[in-house]
Amino acid sequence: MKFKGNVWKYGADIDTDRIIPARYLNTSDPAELAKHCMEDADKTFAEKVRLGDIILADKNFGCGSSREHAPIAIKASGISCVIAKSFARIFYRNAFNMGLPILESSEAVDASEQGDALEVDMDSGEIINVTRNVKFTARPVPLFMQELVNAGGLLESIKKKGALR
């Protein structure tokens, strides 16, 4: 999988309440969640994000409660992938289960700014900051987790294997 998009950059410890505030958890509709994605971290995000854009964040992205709504909201907003220095463990797994591509790269986060254009190759882990003409390599994602993303998430992966009918 390859992505190209502009950077939305956030700091450390962006918790799931800032990704999708609890007041919107009365729905699991991806389109509705997307309208409120990142609302408490950046009021303009939902109206300005473009299909293919990329979130970059410091350490511990997705900390807090273990809601699957957070990666669903991010994916539904049009974000192609999230790159962070590190992810909270439960968010990390939920992202793959929901089919949201994520990568860890401290170097890419430190060397990129809001609005920079990035090209990301999930298969190789290569990240190119096109704006600054710099290349990085993210921590490799295990193949079985890449397969989950390629399938659209855990449930879709299981369906494709014929285990659910």
C-alpha atoms as a PDB file:
ATOM      1  CA  MET A   1       0.000   0.000   0.000  1.00  0.00           C
ATOM      2  CA  LYS A   2       1.242   3.453  -0.898  1.00  0.00           C
ATOM      3  CA  PHE A   3      -0.112   6.772   0.281  1.00  0.00           C
ATOM      4  CA  LYS A   4       0.553  10.402  -0.506  1.00  0.00           C
ATOM      5  CA  GLY A   5      -0.890  13.223   1.536  1.00  0.00           C
ATOM      6  CA  ASN A   6      -0.340  16.343   3.562  1.00  0.00           C
ATOM      7  CA  VAL A   7       0.616  16.280   7.232  1.00  0.00           C
ATOM      8  CA  TRP A   8      -1.598  17.080  10.193  1.00  0.00           C
ATOM      9  CA  LYS A   9       0.831  17.228  13.108  1.00  0.00           C
ATOM     10  CA  TYR A  10      -0.022  16.723  16.775  1.00  0.00           C
ATOM     11  CA  GLY A  11       1.951  16.465  19.992  1.00  0.00           C
ATOM     12  CA  ALA A  12       2.338  13.725  22.581  1.00  0.00           C
ATOM     13  CA  ASP A  13      -0.381  11.842  24.447  1.00  0.00           C
ATOM     14  CA  ILE A  14      -3.277  12.487  22.064  1.00  0.00           C
ATOM     15  CA  ASP A  15      -5.885  10.385  23.802  1.00  0.00           C
ATOM     16  CA  THR A  16      -8.966   8.743  22.357  1.00  0.00           C
ATOM     17  CA  ASP A  17     -11.179  11.458  23.896  1.00  0.00           C
ATOM     18  CA  ARG A  18      -9.388  14.032  21.761  1.00  0.00           C
ATOM     19  CA  ILE A  19      -9.570  11.797  18.692  1.00  0.00           C
ATOM     20  CA  ILE A  20     -13.323  11.233  19.085  1.00  0.00           C
ATOM     21  CA  PRO A  21     -14.922  12.846  22.145  1.00  0.00           C
ATOM     22  CA  ALA A  22     -17.074  10.613  24.359  1.00  0.00           C
ATOM     23  CA  ARG A  23     -20.135  12.780  23.676  1.00  0.00           C
ATOM     24  CA  TYR A  24     -20.257  11.263  20.162  1.00  0.00           C
ATOM     25  CA  LEU A  25     -20.018   7.608  21.178  1.00  0.00           C
ATOM     26  CA  ASN A  26     -23.775   7.126  20.861  1.00  0.00           C
ATOM     27  CA  THR A  27     -23.142   6.191  17.214  1.00  0.00           C
ATOM     28  CA  SER A  28     -20.810   3.821  15.425  1.00  0.00           C
ATOM     29  CA  ASP A  29     -21.596   5.288  11.990  1.00  0.00           C
ATOM     30  CA  PRO A  30     -18.196   6.063  10.425  1.00  0.00           C
ATOM     31  CA  ALA A  31     -19.480   9.098   8.494  1.00  0.00           C
ATOM     32  CA  GLU A  32     -20.941  10.636  11.643  1.00  0.00           C
ATOM     33  CA  LEU A  33     -17.786   9.920  13.667  1.00  0.00           C
ATOM     34  CA  ALA A  34     -15.666  11.523  10.914  1.00  0.00           C
ATOM     35  CA  LYS A  35     -17.535  14.816  11.375  1.00  0.00           C
ATOM     36  CA  HIS A  36     -16.154  15.030  14.915  1.00  0.00           C
ATOM     37  CA  CYS A  37     -12.718  13.465  14.440  1.00  0.00           C
ATOM     38  CA  MET A  38      -9.962  15.336  16.310  1.00  0.00           C
ATOM     39  CA  GLU A  39     -12.537  17.949  17.341  1.00  0.00           C
ATOM     40  CA  ASP A  40     -11.102  18.472  20.829  1.00  0.00           C
ATOM     41  CA  ALA A  41      -7.515  18.634  19.531  1.00  0.00           C
ATOM     42  CA  ASP A  42      -8.181  20.760  16.434  1.00  0.00           C
ATOM     43  CA  LYS A  43     -11.590  22.335  15.782  1.00  0.00           C
ATOM     44  CA  THR A  44     -10.832  22.812  12.054  1.00  0.00           C
ATOM     45  CA  PHE A  45      -9.653  19.268  11.331  1.00  0.00           C
ATOM     46  CA  ALA A  46     -12.932  17.711  10.134  1.00  0.00           C
ATOM     47  CA  GLU A  47     -13.711  20.552   7.740  1.00  0.00           C
ATOM     48  CA  LYS A  48     -10.196  20.902   6.314  1.00  0.00           C
ATOM     49  CA  VAL A  49      -8.846  17.326   6.163  1.00  0.00           C
ATOM     50  CA  ARG A  50      -8.551  15.941   2.637  1.00  0.00           C
ATOM     51  CA  LEU A  51      -8.709  12.366   1.414  1.00  0.00           C
ATOM     52  CA  GLY A  52      -5.228  10.846   1.695  1.00  0.00           C
ATOM     53  CA  ASP A  53      -3.886  13.242   4.333  1.00  0.00           C
ATOM     54  CA  ILE A  54      -1.627  11.830   7.031  1.00  0.00           C
ATOM     55  CA  ILE A  55      -1.573  12.360  10.801  1.00  0.00           C
ATOM     56  CA  LEU A  56       1.840  12.662  12.447  1.00  0.00           C
ATOM     57  CA  ALA A  57       2.055  12.634  16.223  1.00  0.00           C
ATOM     58  CA  ASP A  58       4.558  12.473  19.014  1.00  0.00           C
ATOM     59  CA  LYS A  59       4.593   9.591  21.515  1.00  0.00           C
ATOM     60  CA  ASN A  60       1.690   7.620  22.969  1.00  0.00           C
ATOM     61  CA  PHE A  61      -0.894   8.418  20.282  1.00  0.00           C
ATOM     62  CA  GLY A  62      -4.286   6.894  21.075  1.00  0.00           C
ATOM     63  CA  CYS A  63      -3.827   6.572  24.828  1.00  0.00           C
ATOM     64  CA  GLY A  64      -6.851   6.552  27.122  1.00  0.00           C
ATOM     65  CA  SER A  65      -9.946   4.432  26.793  1.00  0.00           C
ATOM     66  CA  SER A  66      -9.958   1.444  24.494  1.00  0.00           C
ATOM     67  CA  ARG A  67     -12.616   2.587  22.066  1.00  0.00           C
ATOM     68  CA  GLU A  68     -12.653   1.277  18.524  1.00  0.00           C
ATOM     69  CA  HIS A  69     -14.415   4.489  17.539  1.00  0.00           C
ATOM     70  CA  ALA A  70     -11.069   6.334  17.453  1.00  0.00           C
ATOM     71  CA  PRO A  71      -9.456   4.497  14.510  1.00  0.00           C
ATOM     72  CA  ILE A  72     -12.853   4.303  12.785  1.00  0.00           C
ATOM     73  CA  ALA A  73     -13.238   8.098  13.003  1.00  0.00           C
ATOM     74  CA  ILE A  74      -9.706   8.691  11.721  1.00  0.00           C
ATOM     75  CA  LYS A  75     -10.108   6.310   8.799  1.00  0.00           C
ATOM     76  CA  ALA A  76     -13.561   7.668   7.905  1.00  0.00           C
ATOM     77  CA  SER A  77     -12.239  11.250   7.942  1.00  0.00           C
ATOM     78  CA  GLY A  78     -10.086  10.404   4.929  1.00  0.00           C
ATOM     79  CA  ILE A  79      -6.753  10.010   6.700  1.00  0.00           C
ATOM     80  CA  SER A  80      -4.672   7.443   4.803  1.00  0.00           C
ATOM     81  CA  CYS A  81      -2.351   6.554   7.700  1.00  0.00           C
ATOM     82  CA  VAL A  82      -1.045   7.685  11.067  1.00  0.00           C
ATOM     83  CA  ILE A  83       2.665   7.946  11.803  1.00  0.00           C
ATOM     84  CA  ALA A  84       3.732   8.466  15.404  1.00  0.00           C
ATOM     85  CA  LYS A  85       6.766   8.045  17.617  1.00  0.00           C
ATOM     86  CA  SER A  86       4.723   5.453  19.515  1.00  0.00           C
ATOM     87  CA  PHE A  87       1.145   4.300  19.977  1.00  0.00           C
ATOM     88  CA  ALA A  88      -0.793   3.226  23.022  1.00  0.00           C
ATOM     89  CA  ARG A  89      -0.975  -0.579  22.898  1.00  0.00           C
ATOM     90  CA  ILE A  90      -4.737  -0.921  22.667  1.00  0.00           C
ATOM     91  CA  PHE A  91      -4.980   1.778  19.968  1.00  0.00           C
ATOM     92  CA  TYR A  92      -2.209   0.050  18.015  1.00  0.00           C
ATOM     93  CA  ARG A  93      -4.170  -3.175  17.890  1.00  0.00           C
ATOM     94  CA  ASN A  94      -7.536  -1.464  17.329  1.00  0.00           C
ATOM     95  CA  ALA A  95      -6.081   0.444  14.365  1.00  0.00           C
ATOM     96  CA  PHE A  96      -5.107  -2.773  12.599  1.00  0.00           C
ATOM     97  CA  ASN A  97      -8.392  -4.436  13.563  1.00  0.00           C
ATOM     98  CA  MET A  98     -10.275  -1.531  11.961  1.00  0.00           C
ATOM     99  CA  GLY A  99      -8.003  -1.411   8.891  1.00  0.00           C
ATOM    100  CA  LEU A 100      -6.259   1.883   9.702  1.00  0.00           C
ATOM    101  CA  PRO A 101      -2.611   1.836   8.560  1.00  0.00           C
ATOM    102  CA  ILE A 102      -0.158   3.049  11.210  1.00  0.00           C
ATOM    103  CA  LEU A 103       3.627   3.287  11.376  1.00  0.00           C
ATOM    104  CA  GLU A 104       6.160   4.243  14.031  1.00  0.00           C
ATOM    105  CA  SER A 105       8.948   6.645  13.044  1.00  0.00           C
ATOM    106  CA  SER A 106      10.419   9.175  15.460  1.00  0.00           C
ATOM    107  CA  GLU A 107      12.630  10.570  12.699  1.00  0.00           C
ATOM    108  CA  ALA A 108       9.742  11.286  10.307  1.00  0.00           C
ATOM    109  CA  VAL A 109       7.771  12.986  13.083  1.00  0.00           C
ATOM    110  CA  ASP A 110      10.718  15.135  14.188  1.00  0.00           C
ATOM    111  CA  ALA A 111      11.669  16.192  10.653  1.00  0.00           C
ATOM    112  CA  SER A 112       8.175  16.977   9.322  1.00  0.00           C
ATOM    113  CA  GLU A 113       5.854  19.902   9.872  1.00  0.00           C
ATOM    114  CA  GLN A 114       2.151  20.619   9.473  1.00  0.00           C
ATOM    115  CA  GLY A 115       1.298  20.796   5.771  1.00  0.00           C
ATOM    116  CA  ASP A 116       4.381  18.941   4.480  1.00  0.00           C
ATOM    117  CA  ALA A 117       3.686  16.418   1.711  1.00  0.00           C
ATOM    118  CA  LEU A 118       4.603  12.808   2.502  1.00  0.00           C
ATOM    119  CA  GLU A 119       4.757   9.632   0.455  1.00  0.00           C
ATOM    120  CA  VAL A 120       4.425   6.437   2.465  1.00  0.00           C
ATOM    121  CA  ASP A 121       5.055   2.859   1.366  1.00  0.00           C
ATOM    122  CA  MET A 122       3.533   0.542   3.988  1.00  0.00           C
ATOM    123  CA  ASP A 123       5.150  -2.555   2.487  1.00  0.00           C
ATOM    124  CA  SER A 124       8.725  -1.280   2.777  1.00  0.00           C
ATOM    125  CA  GLY A 125       8.169   1.167   5.648  1.00  0.00           C
ATOM    126  CA  GLU A 126       9.682   3.950   3.553  1.00  0.00           C
ATOM    127  CA  ILE A 127       8.482   7.481   4.266  1.00  0.00           C
ATOM    128  CA  ILE A 128       9.545  10.341   2.010  1.00  0.00           C
ATOM    129  CA  ASN A 129       8.987  13.931   3.030  1.00  0.00           C
ATOM    130  CA  VAL A 130       8.553  15.351  -0.482  1.00  0.00           C
ATOM    131  CA  THR A 131       8.480  18.936   0.806  1.00  0.00           C
ATOM    132  CA  ARG A 132      11.902  18.640   2.491  1.00  0.00           C
ATOM    133  CA  ASN A 133      13.358  15.924   0.227  1.00  0.00           C
ATOM    134  CA  VAL A 134      14.193  13.602   3.132  1.00  0.00           C
ATOM    135  CA  LYS A 135      13.680   9.828   3.425  1.00  0.00           C
ATOM    136  CA  PHE A 136      12.976   7.747   6.535  1.00  0.00           C
ATOM    137  CA  THR A 137      12.363   4.111   7.325  1.00  0.00           C
ATOM    138  CA  ALA A 138       9.621   3.230   9.788  1.00  0.00           C
ATOM    139  CA  ARG A 139       9.667   0.282  12.140  1.00  0.00           C
ATOM    140  CA  PRO A 140       8.471  -2.694  10.069  1.00  0.00           C
ATOM    141  CA  VAL A 141       4.877  -3.822  10.507  1.00  0.00           C
ATOM    142  CA  PRO A 142       4.456  -7.607  10.746  1.00  0.00           C
ATOM    143  CA  LEU A 143       3.109  -9.138   7.547  1.00  0.00           C
ATOM    144  CA  PHE A 144      -0.045 -10.550   9.163  1.00  0.00           C
ATOM    145  CA  MET A 145      -0.925  -7.042  10.396  1.00  0.00           C
ATOM    146  CA  GLN A 146      -0.320  -5.575   6.945  1.00  0.00           C
ATOM    147  CA  GLU A 147      -2.715  -8.219   5.646  1.00  0.00           C
ATOM    148  CA  LEU A 148      -5.372  -7.036   8.119  1.00  0.00           C
ATOM    149  CA  VAL A 149      -5.047  -3.481   6.792  1.00  0.00           C
ATOM    150  CA  ASN A 150      -5.109  -4.649   3.173  1.00  0.00           C
ATOM    151  CA  ALA A 151      -8.298  -6.616   3.875  1.00  0.00           C
ATOM    152  CA  GLY A 152      -9.964  -3.585   5.491  1.00  0.00           C
ATOM    153  CA  GLY A 153      -9.648  -4.806   9.070  1.00  0.00           C
ATOM    154  CA  LEU A 154     -10.009  -7.975  11.131  1.00  0.00           C
ATOM    155  CA  LEU A 155     -13.678  -8.615  10.405  1.00  0.00           C
ATOM    156  CA  GLU A 156     -13.196  -8.181   6.651  1.00  0.00           C
ATOM    157  CA  SER A 157     -10.134 -10.437   6.773  1.00  0.00           C
ATOM    158  CA  ILE A 158     -12.150 -13.171   8.473  1.00  0.00           C
ATOM    159  CA  LYS A 159     -14.987 -12.766   5.951  1.00  0.00           C
ATOM    160  CA  LYS A 160     -12.559 -13.071   3.028  1.00  0.00           C
ATOM    161  CA  LYS A 161     -11.161 -16.290   4.474  1.00  0.00           C
ATOM    162  CA  GLY A 162     -14.694 -17.708   4.556  1.00  0.00           C
ATOM    163  CA  ALA A 163     -14.861 -18.128   8.316  1.00  0.00           C
ATOM    164  CA  LEU A 164     -17.902 -15.821   8.581  1.00  0.00           C
ATOM    165  CA  ARG A 165     -20.949 -16.111   6.398  1.00  0.00           C
END
